[in-house]
N, C-alpha and C. Protein backbone atom coordinates (compact mmCIF):
# COMPACT_ATOMS: atom_id res chain seq x y z
N UNK A 1 0.85 -1.18 0.00
CA UNK A 1 0.00 0.00 0.00
C UNK A 1 0.90 1.25 0.00
N UNK A 2 0.49 2.26 -0.75
CA UNK A 2 1.29 3.49 -0.81
C UNK A 2 0.96 4.42 0.34
N UNK A 3 1.85 5.35 0.61
CA UNK A 3 1.67 6.32 1.69
C UNK A 3 0.62 7.38 1.37
N UNK A 4 0.43 7.68 0.08
CA UNK A 4 -0.51 8.72 -0.32
C UNK A 4 -1.19 8.35 -1.63
N UNK A 5 -2.26 9.03 -1.94
CA UNK A 5 -2.98 8.82 -3.19
C UNK A 5 -2.27 9.56 -4.30
N UNK A 6 -2.01 8.89 -5.40
CA UNK A 6 -1.38 9.54 -6.55
C UNK A 6 -2.33 10.56 -7.15
N UNK A 7 -1.79 11.67 -7.61
CA UNK A 7 -2.63 12.68 -8.24
C UNK A 7 -1.85 13.36 -9.36
N UNK A 8 -2.57 13.96 -10.30
CA UNK A 8 -1.93 14.70 -11.38
C UNK A 8 -1.10 15.85 -10.82
N UNK A 9 -1.63 16.52 -9.81
CA UNK A 9 -0.90 17.64 -9.21
C UNK A 9 0.45 17.19 -8.66
N UNK A 10 0.46 16.12 -7.92
CA UNK A 10 1.71 15.64 -7.32
C UNK A 10 2.71 15.24 -8.40
N UNK A 11 2.23 14.69 -9.49
CA UNK A 11 3.11 14.25 -10.57
C UNK A 11 3.67 15.41 -11.38
N UNK A 12 2.96 16.55 -11.40
CA UNK A 12 3.38 17.65 -12.28
C UNK A 12 3.66 18.96 -11.54
N UNK A 13 3.66 18.97 -10.23
CA UNK A 13 3.79 20.22 -9.47
C UNK A 13 5.07 20.97 -9.77
N UNK A 14 6.18 20.31 -9.91
CA UNK A 14 7.45 20.98 -10.14
C UNK A 14 7.94 20.85 -11.58
N UNK A 15 7.05 20.48 -12.46
CA UNK A 15 7.43 20.20 -13.84
C UNK A 15 7.65 21.48 -14.66
N UNK A 16 6.95 22.55 -14.33
CA UNK A 16 7.00 23.77 -15.12
C UNK A 16 7.72 24.88 -14.36
N UNK A 17 8.39 25.75 -15.11
CA UNK A 17 9.09 26.88 -14.50
C UNK A 17 8.08 27.87 -13.93
N UNK A 18 8.40 28.51 -12.81
CA UNK A 18 7.47 29.48 -12.21
C UNK A 18 7.34 30.74 -13.08
N UNK A 19 6.20 31.38 -13.00
CA UNK A 19 5.96 32.62 -13.73
C UNK A 19 6.59 33.78 -12.99
N UNK A 20 6.92 34.85 -13.72
CA UNK A 20 7.41 36.07 -13.09
C UNK A 20 6.31 36.68 -12.23
N UNK A 21 6.70 37.43 -11.21
CA UNK A 21 5.72 38.10 -10.36
C UNK A 21 5.12 39.29 -11.09
N UNK A 22 3.90 39.64 -10.73
CA UNK A 22 3.21 40.78 -11.32
C UNK A 22 3.68 42.04 -10.62
N UNK A 23 4.25 42.96 -11.37
CA UNK A 23 4.81 44.18 -10.81
C UNK A 23 4.03 45.44 -11.17
N UNK A 24 2.90 45.29 -11.81
CA UNK A 24 2.09 46.43 -12.21
C UNK A 24 0.63 46.02 -12.26
N UNK A 25 -0.26 46.98 -12.32
CA UNK A 25 -1.69 46.70 -12.41
C UNK A 25 -2.04 46.26 -13.83
N UNK A 26 -2.94 45.30 -13.94
CA UNK A 26 -3.43 44.87 -15.24
C UNK A 26 -4.94 44.77 -15.17
N UNK A 27 -5.58 44.69 -16.31
CA UNK A 27 -7.03 44.47 -16.36
C UNK A 27 -7.29 43.20 -17.15
N UNK A 28 -8.39 42.52 -16.80
CA UNK A 28 -8.73 41.29 -17.50
C UNK A 28 -10.24 41.09 -17.45
N UNK A 29 -10.74 40.24 -18.32
CA UNK A 29 -12.16 39.94 -18.36
C UNK A 29 -12.52 38.78 -17.44
N UNK A 30 -11.59 37.87 -17.23
CA UNK A 30 -11.84 36.69 -16.40
C UNK A 30 -10.63 36.47 -15.50
N UNK A 31 -10.89 36.15 -14.23
CA UNK A 31 -9.80 35.85 -13.30
C UNK A 31 -10.18 34.59 -12.51
N UNK A 32 -9.37 33.56 -12.60
CA UNK A 32 -9.61 32.32 -11.88
C UNK A 32 -8.70 32.31 -10.66
N UNK A 33 -9.29 32.18 -9.48
CA UNK A 33 -8.52 32.19 -8.23
C UNK A 33 -8.69 30.83 -7.56
N UNK A 34 -7.58 30.22 -7.19
CA UNK A 34 -7.64 28.94 -6.49
C UNK A 34 -7.49 27.76 -7.43
N UNK A 35 -7.34 26.60 -6.84
CA UNK A 35 -7.13 25.39 -7.62
C UNK A 35 -8.33 24.48 -7.64
N UNK A 36 -9.36 24.83 -6.91
CA UNK A 36 -10.54 23.98 -6.87
C UNK A 36 -10.30 22.71 -6.07
N UNK A 37 -11.28 21.85 -6.02
CA UNK A 37 -11.19 20.63 -5.23
C UNK A 37 -10.07 19.72 -5.71
N UNK A 38 -9.89 19.61 -7.03
CA UNK A 38 -8.85 18.73 -7.57
C UNK A 38 -7.48 19.18 -7.10
N UNK A 39 -7.24 20.47 -7.04
CA UNK A 39 -5.96 20.97 -6.57
C UNK A 39 -5.72 20.71 -5.10
N UNK A 40 -6.79 20.53 -4.35
CA UNK A 40 -6.67 20.28 -2.91
C UNK A 40 -6.52 18.80 -2.57
N UNK A 41 -6.68 17.91 -3.55
CA UNK A 41 -6.70 16.48 -3.26
C UNK A 41 -5.32 15.89 -3.04
N UNK A 42 -4.27 16.68 -3.10
CA UNK A 42 -2.92 16.18 -2.86
C UNK A 42 -2.76 15.89 -1.41
């Protein structure tokens, strides 16, 4: 038996380079905040 449940997040969390920080104000039509339930299942 494994110690934890495998998830897509755990398999890919460190796979991509981090984005630069936002240093100025921007405007957008849609903003998604949070990872939802799937992001929390790790």
